[in-house]
Amino acid sequence: MNDSDGLFQSWLTIEKKSKSQKNAISALNMACGTKYVESWPSKMASRSYSLERVPTAVRRYMMLVVLSSKFPDMTEKELKDLVCNLT
């Protein structure tokens, strides 16, 4: 993960360290009630990774994954509170 990567790219990089892209997107779909498919990252790339159309629940999910990797000493509650305050 590069500090200059956006939220989407950072999330995908972190997730792909421990699971396949398909499984990462499936986990996101289960957590957020969405129906993204395995080709979603290429669609996001064609939109310059703009999160404008991405639901808040999905952005929050991604933020939890990214922030928990950046701040491993924070509790889950602290991370959730931070994400809620940021969105």
C-alpha atoms as a PDB file:
ATOM      1  CA  MET A   1       0.000   0.000   0.000  1.00  0.00           C
ATOM      2  CA  ASN A   2       1.336   3.377  -1.024  1.00  0.00           C
ATOM      3  CA  ASP A   3       0.497   6.511   0.985  1.00  0.00           C
ATOM      4  CA  SER A   4      -0.498   8.259  -2.243  1.00  0.00           C
ATOM      5  CA  ASP A   5      -3.097   5.594  -3.079  1.00  0.00           C
ATOM      6  CA  GLY A   6      -6.704   6.530  -2.582  1.00  0.00           C
ATOM      7  CA  LEU A   7      -9.160   4.728  -0.362  1.00  0.00           C
ATOM      8  CA  PHE A   8     -10.249   2.186  -2.963  1.00  0.00           C
ATOM      9  CA  GLN A   9      -6.723   1.244  -4.025  1.00  0.00           C
ATOM     10  CA  SER A  10      -5.513   1.041  -0.430  1.00  0.00           C
ATOM     11  CA  TRP A  11      -8.460  -1.158   0.564  1.00  0.00           C
ATOM     12  CA  LEU A  12      -7.950  -3.521  -2.362  1.00  0.00           C
ATOM     13  CA  THR A  13      -4.197  -3.791  -1.762  1.00  0.00           C
ATOM     14  CA  ILE A  14      -4.734  -4.665   1.911  1.00  0.00           C
ATOM     15  CA  GLU A  15      -7.476  -7.175   1.168  1.00  0.00           C
ATOM     16  CA  LYS A  16      -5.482  -8.907  -1.567  1.00  0.00           C
ATOM     17  CA  LYS A  17      -2.699  -9.646   0.931  1.00  0.00           C
ATOM     18  CA  SER A  18      -4.924 -12.199   2.651  1.00  0.00           C
ATOM     19  CA  LYS A  19      -7.566 -13.185   0.073  1.00  0.00           C
ATOM     20  CA  SER A  20      -8.337 -13.188  -3.600  1.00  0.00           C
ATOM     21  CA  GLN A  21      -9.902 -10.160  -5.260  1.00  0.00           C
ATOM     22  CA  LYS A  22     -13.107 -12.149  -5.753  1.00  0.00           C
ATOM     23  CA  ASN A  23     -13.243 -13.079  -2.051  1.00  0.00           C
ATOM     24  CA  ALA A  24     -12.470  -9.499  -0.983  1.00  0.00           C
ATOM     25  CA  ILE A  25     -15.350  -8.175  -3.075  1.00  0.00           C
ATOM     26  CA  SER A  26     -17.633 -10.960  -1.829  1.00  0.00           C
ATOM     27  CA  ALA A  27     -16.831 -10.028   1.785  1.00  0.00           C
ATOM     28  CA  LEU A  28     -17.578  -6.377   1.040  1.00  0.00           C
ATOM     29  CA  ASN A  29     -20.863  -7.356  -0.620  1.00  0.00           C
ATOM     30  CA  MET A  30     -21.881  -9.444   2.389  1.00  0.00           C
ATOM     31  CA  ALA A  31     -21.003  -6.680   4.842  1.00  0.00           C
ATOM     32  CA  CYS A  32     -22.645  -3.878   2.866  1.00  0.00           C
ATOM     33  CA  GLY A  33     -25.505  -5.552   1.021  1.00  0.00           C
ATOM     34  CA  THR A  34     -24.067  -4.669  -2.377  1.00  0.00           C
ATOM     35  CA  LYS A  35     -23.678  -6.707  -5.566  1.00  0.00           C
ATOM     36  CA  TYR A  36     -20.292  -5.709  -6.949  1.00  0.00           C
ATOM     37  CA  VAL A  37     -18.583  -8.189  -9.259  1.00  0.00           C
ATOM     38  CA  GLU A  38     -14.940  -9.163  -9.686  1.00  0.00           C
ATOM     39  CA  SER A  39     -14.476  -6.643 -12.528  1.00  0.00           C
ATOM     40  CA  TRP A  40     -15.469  -3.727 -10.271  1.00  0.00           C
ATOM     41  CA  PRO A  41     -11.845  -2.561  -9.726  1.00  0.00           C
ATOM     42  CA  SER A  42     -11.363  -2.024 -13.467  1.00  0.00           C
ATOM     43  CA  LYS A  43     -14.590  -0.006 -13.597  1.00  0.00           C
ATOM     44  CA  MET A  44     -13.344   2.076 -10.675  1.00  0.00           C
ATOM     45  CA  ALA A  45     -10.030   2.635 -12.479  1.00  0.00           C
ATOM     46  CA  SER A  46     -11.877   3.910 -15.551  1.00  0.00           C
ATOM     47  CA  ARG A  47     -13.616   6.430 -13.259  1.00  0.00           C
ATOM     48  CA  SER A  48     -10.293   7.548 -11.752  1.00  0.00           C
ATOM     49  CA  TYR A  49     -11.262   5.767  -8.532  1.00  0.00           C
ATOM     50  CA  SER A  50     -13.969   8.336  -7.794  1.00  0.00           C
ATOM     51  CA  LEU A  51     -16.050   7.253  -4.795  1.00  0.00           C
ATOM     52  CA  GLU A  52     -18.828   9.726  -5.548  1.00  0.00           C
ATOM     53  CA  ARG A  53     -21.318   7.005  -6.545  1.00  0.00           C
ATOM     54  CA  VAL A  54     -20.173   4.479  -3.950  1.00  0.00           C
ATOM     55  CA  PRO A  55     -22.610   4.052  -1.026  1.00  0.00           C
ATOM     56  CA  THR A  56     -21.586   5.364   2.386  1.00  0.00           C
ATOM     57  CA  ALA A  57     -21.665   1.854   3.871  1.00  0.00           C
ATOM     58  CA  VAL A  58     -19.070   0.709   1.331  1.00  0.00           C
ATOM     59  CA  ARG A  59     -16.809   3.702   1.975  1.00  0.00           C
ATOM     60  CA  ARG A  60     -17.063   3.078   5.728  1.00  0.00           C
ATOM     61  CA  TYR A  61     -16.212  -0.602   5.275  1.00  0.00           C
ATOM     62  CA  MET A  62     -13.141   0.309   3.222  1.00  0.00           C
ATOM     63  CA  MET A  63     -12.104   2.957   5.735  1.00  0.00           C
ATOM     64  CA  LEU A  64     -12.298   0.448   8.600  1.00  0.00           C
ATOM     65  CA  VAL A  65     -10.023  -1.952   6.727  1.00  0.00           C
ATOM     66  CA  VAL A  66      -7.509   0.743   5.782  1.00  0.00           C
ATOM     67  CA  LEU A  67      -7.465   2.552   9.130  1.00  0.00           C
ATOM     68  CA  SER A  68      -7.140  -0.677  11.109  1.00  0.00           C
ATOM     69  CA  SER A  69      -4.001  -1.473   9.136  1.00  0.00           C
ATOM     70  CA  LYS A  70      -2.598   2.052   9.596  1.00  0.00           C
ATOM     71  CA  PHE A  71      -3.502   2.273  13.310  1.00  0.00           C
ATOM     72  CA  PRO A  72      -3.276  -1.266  14.722  1.00  0.00           C
ATOM     73  CA  ASP A  73      -3.341  -0.030  18.323  1.00  0.00           C
ATOM     74  CA  MET A  74      -6.823   1.465  18.012  1.00  0.00           C
ATOM     75  CA  THR A  75      -9.764  -0.599  19.215  1.00  0.00           C
ATOM     76  CA  GLU A  76     -12.583  -1.554  16.887  1.00  0.00           C
ATOM     77  CA  LYS A  77     -14.886   0.874  18.683  1.00  0.00           C
ATOM     78  CA  GLU A  78     -12.371   3.717  18.312  1.00  0.00           C
ATOM     79  CA  LEU A  79     -12.019   2.955  14.611  1.00  0.00           C
ATOM     80  CA  LYS A  80     -15.778   2.801  14.075  1.00  0.00           C
ATOM     81  CA  ASP A  81     -16.249   6.097  15.924  1.00  0.00           C
ATOM     82  CA  LEU A  82     -13.522   7.696  13.811  1.00  0.00           C
ATOM     83  CA  VAL A  83     -15.040   6.426  10.559  1.00  0.00           C
ATOM     84  CA  CYS A  84     -18.515   7.640  11.552  1.00  0.00           C
ATOM     85  CA  ASN A  85     -17.092  11.061  12.341  1.00  0.00           C
ATOM     86  CA  LEU A  86     -15.269  11.199   9.009  1.00  0.00           C
ATOM     87  CA  THR A  87     -18.314  10.264   6.944  1.00  0.00           C
END
